[in-house]
All heavy atoms as atom14 arrays in JSON, in Angstrom:
{
  "sequence": "ARSLEANSGPAFVRRLGFKSESGKGSPRVQTFAWNA",
  "atom14_mask": [
    [1, 1, 1, 1, 1, 0, 0, 0, 0, 0, 0, 0, 0, 0],
    [1, 1, 1, 1, 1, 1, 1, 1, 1, 1, 1, 0, 0, 0],
    [1, 1, 1, 1, 1, 1, 0, 0, 0, 0, 0, 0, 0, 0],
    [1, 1, 1, 1, 1, 1, 1, 1, 0, 0, 0, 0, 0, 0],
    [1, 1, 1, 1, 1, 1, 1, 1, 1, 0, 0, 0, 0, 0],
    [1, 1, 1, 1, 1, 0, 0, 0, 0, 0, 0, 0, 0, 0],
    [1, 1, 1, 1, 1, 1, 1, 1, 0, 0, 0, 0, 0, 0],
    [1, 1, 1, 1, 1, 1, 0, 0, 0, 0, 0, 0, 0, 0],
    [1, 1, 1, 1, 0, 0, 0, 0, 0, 0, 0, 0, 0, 0],
    [1, 1, 1, 1, 1, 1, 1, 0, 0, 0, 0, 0, 0, 0],
    [1, 1, 1, 1, 1, 0, 0, 0, 0, 0, 0, 0, 0, 0],
    [1, 1, 1, 1, 1, 1, 1, 1, 1, 1, 1, 0, 0, 0],
    [1, 1, 1, 1, 1, 1, 1, 0, 0, 0, 0, 0, 0, 0],
    [1, 1, 1, 1, 1, 1, 1, 1, 1, 1, 1, 0, 0, 0],
    [1, 1, 1, 1, 1, 1, 1, 1, 1, 1, 1, 0, 0, 0],
    [1, 1, 1, 1, 1, 1, 1, 1, 0, 0, 0, 0, 0, 0],
    [1, 1, 1, 1, 0, 0, 0, 0, 0, 0, 0, 0, 0, 0],
    [1, 1, 1, 1, 1, 1, 1, 1, 1, 1, 1, 0, 0, 0],
    [1, 1, 1, 1, 1, 1, 1, 1, 1, 0, 0, 0, 0, 0],
    [1, 1, 1, 1, 1, 1, 0, 0, 0, 0, 0, 0, 0, 0],
    [1, 1, 1, 1, 1, 1, 1, 1, 1, 0, 0, 0, 0, 0],
    [1, 1, 1, 1, 1, 1, 0, 0, 0, 0, 0, 0, 0, 0],
    [1, 1, 1, 1, 0, 0, 0, 0, 0, 0, 0, 0, 0, 0],
    [1, 1, 1, 1, 1, 1, 1, 1, 1, 0, 0, 0, 0, 0],
    [1, 1, 1, 1, 0, 0, 0, 0, 0, 0, 0, 0, 0, 0],
    [1, 1, 1, 1, 1, 1, 0, 0, 0, 0, 0, 0, 0, 0],
    [1, 1, 1, 1, 1, 1, 1, 0, 0, 0, 0, 0, 0, 0],
    [1, 1, 1, 1, 1, 1, 1, 1, 1, 1, 1, 0, 0, 0],
    [1, 1, 1, 1, 1, 1, 1, 0, 0, 0, 0, 0, 0, 0],
    [1, 1, 1, 1, 1, 1, 1, 1, 1, 0, 0, 0, 0, 0],
    [1, 1, 1, 1, 1, 1, 1, 0, 0, 0, 0, 0, 0, 0],
    [1, 1, 1, 1, 1, 1, 1, 1, 1, 1, 1, 0, 0, 0],
    [1, 1, 1, 1, 1, 0, 0, 0, 0, 0, 0, 0, 0, 0],
    [1, 1, 1, 1, 1, 1, 1, 1, 1, 1, 1, 1, 1, 1],
    [1, 1, 1, 1, 1, 1, 1, 1, 0, 0, 0, 0, 0, 0],
    [1, 1, 1, 1, 1, 0, 0, 0, 0, 0, 0, 0, 0, 0]
  ],
  "atom14_positions": [
    [[-0.43, -25.27, 14.52], [0.72, -24.91, 13.63], [0.13, -24.6, 12.27], [0.59, -23.64, 11.72], [1.6, -26.21, 13.54], [0.0, 0.0, 0.0], [0.0, 0.0, 0.0], [0.0, 0.0, 0.0], [0.0, 0.0, 0.0], [0.0, 0.0, 0.0], [0.0, 0.0, 0.0], [0.0, 0.0, 0.0], [0.0, 0.0, 0.0], [0.0, 0.0, 0.0]],
    [[-0.84, -25.34, 11.77], [-1.42, -24.99, 10.46], [-2.13, -23.61, 10.55], [-2.07, -22.8, 9.67], [-2.38, -26.04, 10.02], [-1.71, -27.36, 9.59], [-2.67, -28.27, 8.79], [-3.87, -28.58, 9.61], [-3.95, -29.66, 10.44], [-2.93, -30.54, 10.43], [-5.02, -29.9, 11.1], [0.0, 0.0, 0.0], [0.0, 0.0, 0.0], [0.0, 0.0, 0.0]],
    [[-2.8, -23.36, 11.68], [-3.48, -22.14, 11.8], [-2.56, -20.91, 11.83], [-2.87, -19.91, 11.26], [-4.37, -22.14, 13.16], [-5.29, -23.15, 13.03], [0.0, 0.0, 0.0], [0.0, 0.0, 0.0], [0.0, 0.0, 0.0], [0.0, 0.0, 0.0], [0.0, 0.0, 0.0], [0.0, 0.0, 0.0], [0.0, 0.0, 0.0], [0.0, 0.0, 0.0]],
    [[-1.47, -21.09, 12.57], [-0.43, -20.07, 12.64], [0.07, -19.7, 11.21], [0.24, -18.5, 10.87], [0.75, -20.44, 13.47], [0.55, -20.33, 15.0], [1.7, -21.08, 15.77], [0.46, -18.89, 15.45], [0.0, 0.0, 0.0], [0.0, 0.0, 0.0], [0.0, 0.0, 0.0], [0.0, 0.0, 0.0], [0.0, 0.0, 0.0], [0.0, 0.0, 0.0]],
    [[0.37, -20.75, 10.42], [0.85, -20.5, 9.11], [-0.21, -19.87, 8.19], [0.11, -18.99, 7.38], [1.34, -21.78, 8.44], [2.66, -22.24, 9.02], [3.35, -23.34, 8.18], [2.66, -23.97, 7.38], [4.52, -23.43, 8.29], [0.0, 0.0, 0.0], [0.0, 0.0, 0.0], [0.0, 0.0, 0.0], [0.0, 0.0, 0.0], [0.0, 0.0, 0.0]],
    [[-1.45, -20.27, 8.35], [-2.53, -19.78, 7.5], [-2.85, -18.31, 7.86], [-3.15, -17.58, 6.9], [-3.77, -20.63, 7.64], [0.0, 0.0, 0.0], [0.0, 0.0, 0.0], [0.0, 0.0, 0.0], [0.0, 0.0, 0.0], [0.0, 0.0, 0.0], [0.0, 0.0, 0.0], [0.0, 0.0, 0.0], [0.0, 0.0, 0.0], [0.0, 0.0, 0.0]],
    [[-2.76, -18.03, 9.09], [-3.03, -16.63, 9.5], [-1.91, -15.7, 9.06], [-2.2, -14.51, 8.8], [-3.17, -16.54, 11.05], [-4.53, -17.03, 11.56], [-5.43, -17.23, 10.76], [-4.63, -17.25, 12.79], [0.0, 0.0, 0.0], [0.0, 0.0, 0.0], [0.0, 0.0, 0.0], [0.0, 0.0, 0.0], [0.0, 0.0, 0.0], [0.0, 0.0, 0.0]],
    [[-0.71, -16.16, 8.99], [0.4, -15.34, 8.69], [0.6, -15.21, 7.2], [0.83, -16.21, 6.5], [1.69, -15.94, 9.33], [2.85, -15.15, 8.86], [0.0, 0.0, 0.0], [0.0, 0.0, 0.0], [0.0, 0.0, 0.0], [0.0, 0.0, 0.0], [0.0, 0.0, 0.0], [0.0, 0.0, 0.0], [0.0, 0.0, 0.0], [0.0, 0.0, 0.0]],
    [[0.49, -13.94, 6.67], [0.73, -13.74, 5.29], [2.11, -14.17, 4.82], [2.29, -14.86, 3.85], [0.0, 0.0, 0.0], [0.0, 0.0, 0.0], [0.0, 0.0, 0.0], [0.0, 0.0, 0.0], [0.0, 0.0, 0.0], [0.0, 0.0, 0.0], [0.0, 0.0, 0.0], [0.0, 0.0, 0.0], [0.0, 0.0, 0.0], [0.0, 0.0, 0.0]],
    [[3.19, -13.77, 5.48], [4.52, -14.14, 5.02], [4.7, -15.65, 5.01], [5.38, -16.2, 4.11], [5.43, -13.51, 6.13], [4.71, -12.29, 6.58], [3.26, -12.72, 6.59], [0.0, 0.0, 0.0], [0.0, 0.0, 0.0], [0.0, 0.0, 0.0], [0.0, 0.0, 0.0], [0.0, 0.0, 0.0], [0.0, 0.0, 0.0], [0.0, 0.0, 0.0]],
    [[4.11, -16.38, 6.0], [4.26, -17.88, 6.0], [3.56, -18.48, 4.8], [3.95, -19.5, 4.29], [3.76, -18.46, 7.25], [0.0, 0.0, 0.0], [0.0, 0.0, 0.0], [0.0, 0.0, 0.0], [0.0, 0.0, 0.0], [0.0, 0.0, 0.0], [0.0, 0.0, 0.0], [0.0, 0.0, 0.0], [0.0, 0.0, 0.0], [0.0, 0.0, 0.0]],
    [[2.46, -17.79, 4.28], [1.68, -18.36, 3.17], [2.6, -18.34, 1.88], [2.33, -19.16, 1.09], [0.48, -17.53, 3.03], [-0.39, -17.95, 1.87], [-0.99, -19.25, 1.92], [-0.59, -17.19, 0.74], [-1.81, -19.65, 0.94], [-1.44, -17.61, -0.33], [-1.99, -18.8, -0.2], [0.0, 0.0, 0.0], [0.0, 0.0, 0.0], [0.0, 0.0, 0.0]],
    [[3.54, -17.39, 1.85], [4.39, -17.34, 0.67], [5.15, -18.66, 0.41], [5.25, -19.11, -0.64], [5.34, -16.14, 0.78], [6.36, -16.13, -0.41], [4.61, -14.86, 0.84], [0.0, 0.0, 0.0], [0.0, 0.0, 0.0], [0.0, 0.0, 0.0], [0.0, 0.0, 0.0], [0.0, 0.0, 0.0], [0.0, 0.0, 0.0], [0.0, 0.0, 0.0]],
    [[5.63, -19.28, 1.56], [6.38, -20.51, 1.38], [5.44, -21.65, 0.89], [5.94, -22.53, 0.21], [6.99, -20.93, 2.71], [7.95, -22.08, 2.57], [8.61, -22.38, 3.9], [9.57, -21.33, 4.23], [10.66, -21.11, 3.67], [11.11, -21.9, 2.7], [11.41, -20.17, 4.04], [0.0, 0.0, 0.0], [0.0, 0.0, 0.0], [0.0, 0.0, 0.0]],
    [[4.16, -21.53, 1.22], [3.27, -22.53, 0.67], [3.17, -22.53, -0.87], [2.77, -23.43, -1.47], [1.83, -22.41, 1.29], [1.84, -22.47, 2.76], [2.0, -23.91, 3.3], [1.03, -24.71, 2.97], [0.91, -26.04, 3.26], [2.01, -26.6, 3.75], [-0.1, -26.78, 2.88], [0.0, 0.0, 0.0], [0.0, 0.0, 0.0], [0.0, 0.0, 0.0]],
    [[3.56, -21.39, -1.42], [3.58, -21.22, -2.88], [4.86, -21.8, -3.48], [5.08, -21.66, -4.62], [3.37, -19.83, -3.3], [2.01, -19.23, -2.95], [1.95, -17.77, -3.34], [0.87, -19.92, -3.68], [0.0, 0.0, 0.0], [0.0, 0.0, 0.0], [0.0, 0.0, 0.0], [0.0, 0.0, 0.0], [0.0, 0.0, 0.0], [0.0, 0.0, 0.0]],
    [[5.76, -22.24, -2.65], [7.03, -22.82, -3.17], [8.12, -21.89, -3.2], [9.25, -22.11, -3.77], [0.0, 0.0, 0.0], [0.0, 0.0, 0.0], [0.0, 0.0, 0.0], [0.0, 0.0, 0.0], [0.0, 0.0, 0.0], [0.0, 0.0, 0.0], [0.0, 0.0, 0.0], [0.0, 0.0, 0.0], [0.0, 0.0, 0.0], [0.0, 0.0, 0.0]],
    [[8.05, -20.69, -2.52], [9.06, -19.67, -2.59], [9.97, -19.83, -1.44], [9.56, -20.03, -0.24], [8.42, -18.25, -2.62], [9.46, -17.19, -2.64], [10.04, -16.81, -3.83], [9.76, -16.44, -1.54], [11.01, -15.86, -3.93], [10.63, -15.45, -1.54], [11.31, -15.11, -2.74], [0.0, 0.0, 0.0], [0.0, 0.0, 0.0], [0.0, 0.0, 0.0]],
    [[11.3, -19.59, -1.64], [12.3, -19.57, -0.55], [12.86, -18.11, -0.53], [13.19, -17.63, -1.58], [13.3, -20.56, -0.76], [12.91, -21.98, -0.59], [13.98, -22.95, -0.33], [14.66, -22.67, 0.93], [15.68, -23.68, 1.25], [0.0, 0.0, 0.0], [0.0, 0.0, 0.0], [0.0, 0.0, 0.0], [0.0, 0.0, 0.0], [0.0, 0.0, 0.0]],
    [[13.06, -17.69, 0.67], [13.71, -16.28, 0.78], [15.16, -16.33, 0.34], [15.71, -17.45, 0.27], [13.58, -15.8, 2.24], [14.37, -16.7, 3.1], [0.0, 0.0, 0.0], [0.0, 0.0, 0.0], [0.0, 0.0, 0.0], [0.0, 0.0, 0.0], [0.0, 0.0, 0.0], [0.0, 0.0, 0.0], [0.0, 0.0, 0.0], [0.0, 0.0, 0.0]],
    [[15.65, -15.19, 0.07], [17.06, -15.12, -0.51], [18.03, -15.72, 0.43], [19.02, -16.26, 0.03], [17.41, -13.66, -0.76], [16.55, -13.03, -1.91], [16.92, -11.66, -2.22], [17.98, -11.17, -1.65], [16.31, -11.05, -2.97], [0.0, 0.0, 0.0], [0.0, 0.0, 0.0], [0.0, 0.0, 0.0], [0.0, 0.0, 0.0], [0.0, 0.0, 0.0]],
    [[17.75, -15.54, 1.73], [18.81, -16.09, 2.69], [18.86, -17.58, 2.74], [19.87, -18.15, 3.05], [18.48, -15.57, 4.1], [17.2, -16.09, 4.51], [0.0, 0.0, 0.0], [0.0, 0.0, 0.0], [0.0, 0.0, 0.0], [0.0, 0.0, 0.0], [0.0, 0.0, 0.0], [0.0, 0.0, 0.0], [0.0, 0.0, 0.0], [0.0, 0.0, 0.0]],
    [[17.69, -18.19, 2.36], [17.62, -19.66, 2.39], [17.73, -20.28, 3.76], [18.03, -21.41, 3.96], [0.0, 0.0, 0.0], [0.0, 0.0, 0.0], [0.0, 0.0, 0.0], [0.0, 0.0, 0.0], [0.0, 0.0, 0.0], [0.0, 0.0, 0.0], [0.0, 0.0, 0.0], [0.0, 0.0, 0.0], [0.0, 0.0, 0.0], [0.0, 0.0, 0.0]],
    [[17.57, -19.45, 4.86], [17.64, -19.94, 6.23], [16.22, -20.05, 6.82], [15.85, -19.15, 7.56], [18.54, -19.01, 7.01], [19.95, -18.93, 6.45], [20.81, -17.98, 7.27], [22.17, -17.8, 6.69], [22.99, -16.81, 7.45], [0.0, 0.0, 0.0], [0.0, 0.0, 0.0], [0.0, 0.0, 0.0], [0.0, 0.0, 0.0], [0.0, 0.0, 0.0]],
    [[15.51, -21.14, 6.5], [14.3, -21.34, 7.15], [13.22, -20.45, 6.63], [13.19, -20.1, 5.43], [0.0, 0.0, 0.0], [0.0, 0.0, 0.0], [0.0, 0.0, 0.0], [0.0, 0.0, 0.0], [0.0, 0.0, 0.0], [0.0, 0.0, 0.0], [0.0, 0.0, 0.0], [0.0, 0.0, 0.0], [0.0, 0.0, 0.0], [0.0, 0.0, 0.0]],
    [[12.22, -20.14, 7.49], [11.03, -19.39, 7.04], [11.47, -17.99, 6.59], [12.42, -17.38, 7.06], [10.03, -19.3, 8.18], [9.69, -20.59, 8.5], [0.0, 0.0, 0.0], [0.0, 0.0, 0.0], [0.0, 0.0, 0.0], [0.0, 0.0, 0.0], [0.0, 0.0, 0.0], [0.0, 0.0, 0.0], [0.0, 0.0, 0.0], [0.0, 0.0, 0.0]],
    [[10.59, -17.33, 5.7], [10.87, -15.91, 5.32], [10.85, -15.09, 6.46], [10.18, -15.26, 7.53], [9.62, -15.64, 4.42], [9.09, -16.95, 3.96], [9.41, -17.97, 5.08], [0.0, 0.0, 0.0], [0.0, 0.0, 0.0], [0.0, 0.0, 0.0], [0.0, 0.0, 0.0], [0.0, 0.0, 0.0], [0.0, 0.0, 0.0], [0.0, 0.0, 0.0]],
    [[11.68, -14.08, 6.41], [11.82, -13.12, 7.57], [10.54, -12.48, 7.83], [9.82, -12.06, 6.88], [12.86, -12.07, 7.26], [14.27, -12.64, 7.19], [15.23, -11.57, 6.63], [14.82, -11.25, 5.22], [15.23, -10.15, 4.61], [15.88, -9.24, 5.19], [14.8, -9.88, 3.44], [0.0, 0.0, 0.0], [0.0, 0.0, 0.0], [0.0, 0.0, 0.0]],
    [[10.11, -12.34, 9.07], [8.78, -11.8, 9.36], [8.62, -10.33, 8.99], [7.56, -9.9, 8.78], [8.57, -12.01, 10.86], [9.38, -10.96, 11.71], [7.06, -11.79, 11.29], [0.0, 0.0, 0.0], [0.0, 0.0, 0.0], [0.0, 0.0, 0.0], [0.0, 0.0, 0.0], [0.0, 0.0, 0.0], [0.0, 0.0, 0.0], [0.0, 0.0, 0.0]],
    [[9.77, -9.58, 8.76], [9.62, -8.21, 8.43], [9.49, -7.93, 7.01], [9.43, -6.8, 6.47], [10.82, -7.35, 8.98], [12.15, -7.66, 8.21], [12.93, -8.72, 8.87], [12.33, -9.58, 9.59], [14.29, -8.66, 8.72], [0.0, 0.0, 0.0], [0.0, 0.0, 0.0], [0.0, 0.0, 0.0], [0.0, 0.0, 0.0], [0.0, 0.0, 0.0]],
    [[9.41, -9.0, 6.17], [9.34, -8.84, 4.79], [7.94, -8.82, 4.28], [6.98, -9.03, 4.95], [10.12, -9.95, 4.04], [9.64, -11.18, 4.4], [11.56, -9.93, 4.4], [0.0, 0.0, 0.0], [0.0, 0.0, 0.0], [0.0, 0.0, 0.0], [0.0, 0.0, 0.0], [0.0, 0.0, 0.0], [0.0, 0.0, 0.0], [0.0, 0.0, 0.0]],
    [[7.82, -8.53, 2.91], [6.62, -8.76, 2.14], [5.56, -7.73, 2.53], [4.39, -8.03, 2.86], [6.04, -10.19, 2.32], [7.04, -11.23, 2.04], [7.16, -12.31, 2.9], [7.89, -11.13, 0.99], [8.11, -13.24, 2.66], [8.85, -12.15, 0.77], [9.02, -13.2, 1.61], [0.0, 0.0, 0.0], [0.0, 0.0, 0.0], [0.0, 0.0, 0.0]],
    [[5.97, -6.36, 2.56], [4.98, -5.27, 2.57], [4.11, -5.22, 3.8], [2.97, -4.87, 3.71], [4.22, -5.32, 1.36], [0.0, 0.0, 0.0], [0.0, 0.0, 0.0], [0.0, 0.0, 0.0], [0.0, 0.0, 0.0], [0.0, 0.0, 0.0], [0.0, 0.0, 0.0], [0.0, 0.0, 0.0], [0.0, 0.0, 0.0], [0.0, 0.0, 0.0]],
    [[4.71, -5.55, 4.98], [3.82, -5.44, 6.25], [3.47, -4.03, 6.41], [2.3, -3.75, 6.82], [4.71, -5.9, 7.43], [3.95, -6.13, 8.68], [2.93, -7.15, 8.88], [3.98, -5.39, 9.9], [2.45, -6.98, 10.17], [3.09, -5.9, 10.79], [4.73, -4.27, 10.26], [2.91, -5.43, 12.06], [4.51, -3.77, 11.59], [3.61, -4.4, 12.44]],
    [[4.31, -3.05, 6.05], [3.87, -1.7, 5.73], [4.91, -1.15, 4.75], [5.87, -1.83, 4.35], [3.82, -0.79, 6.99], [5.06, -0.73, 7.71], [6.19, -0.49, 7.16], [4.97, -0.84, 9.12], [0.0, 0.0, 0.0], [0.0, 0.0, 0.0], [0.0, 0.0, 0.0], [0.0, 0.0, 0.0], [0.0, 0.0, 0.0], [0.0, 0.0, 0.0]],
    [[4.74, 0.08, 4.32], [5.57, 0.61, 3.27], [6.97, 1.1, 3.69], [7.79, 1.36, 2.9], [4.93, 1.79, 2.55], [0.0, 0.0, 0.0], [0.0, 0.0, 0.0], [0.0, 0.0, 0.0], [0.0, 0.0, 0.0], [0.0, 0.0, 0.0], [0.0, 0.0, 0.0], [0.0, 0.0, 0.0], [0.0, 0.0, 0.0], [0.0, 0.0, 0.0]]
  ]
}
């Protein structure tokens, strides 16, 4: 579980204390500049 979160860039954002606008669990996987 820790490895999955550490490998995933979007999941790392939550470790910085950020919550997505929806407030529904983890940040959406399609966010945060996966591509332009």
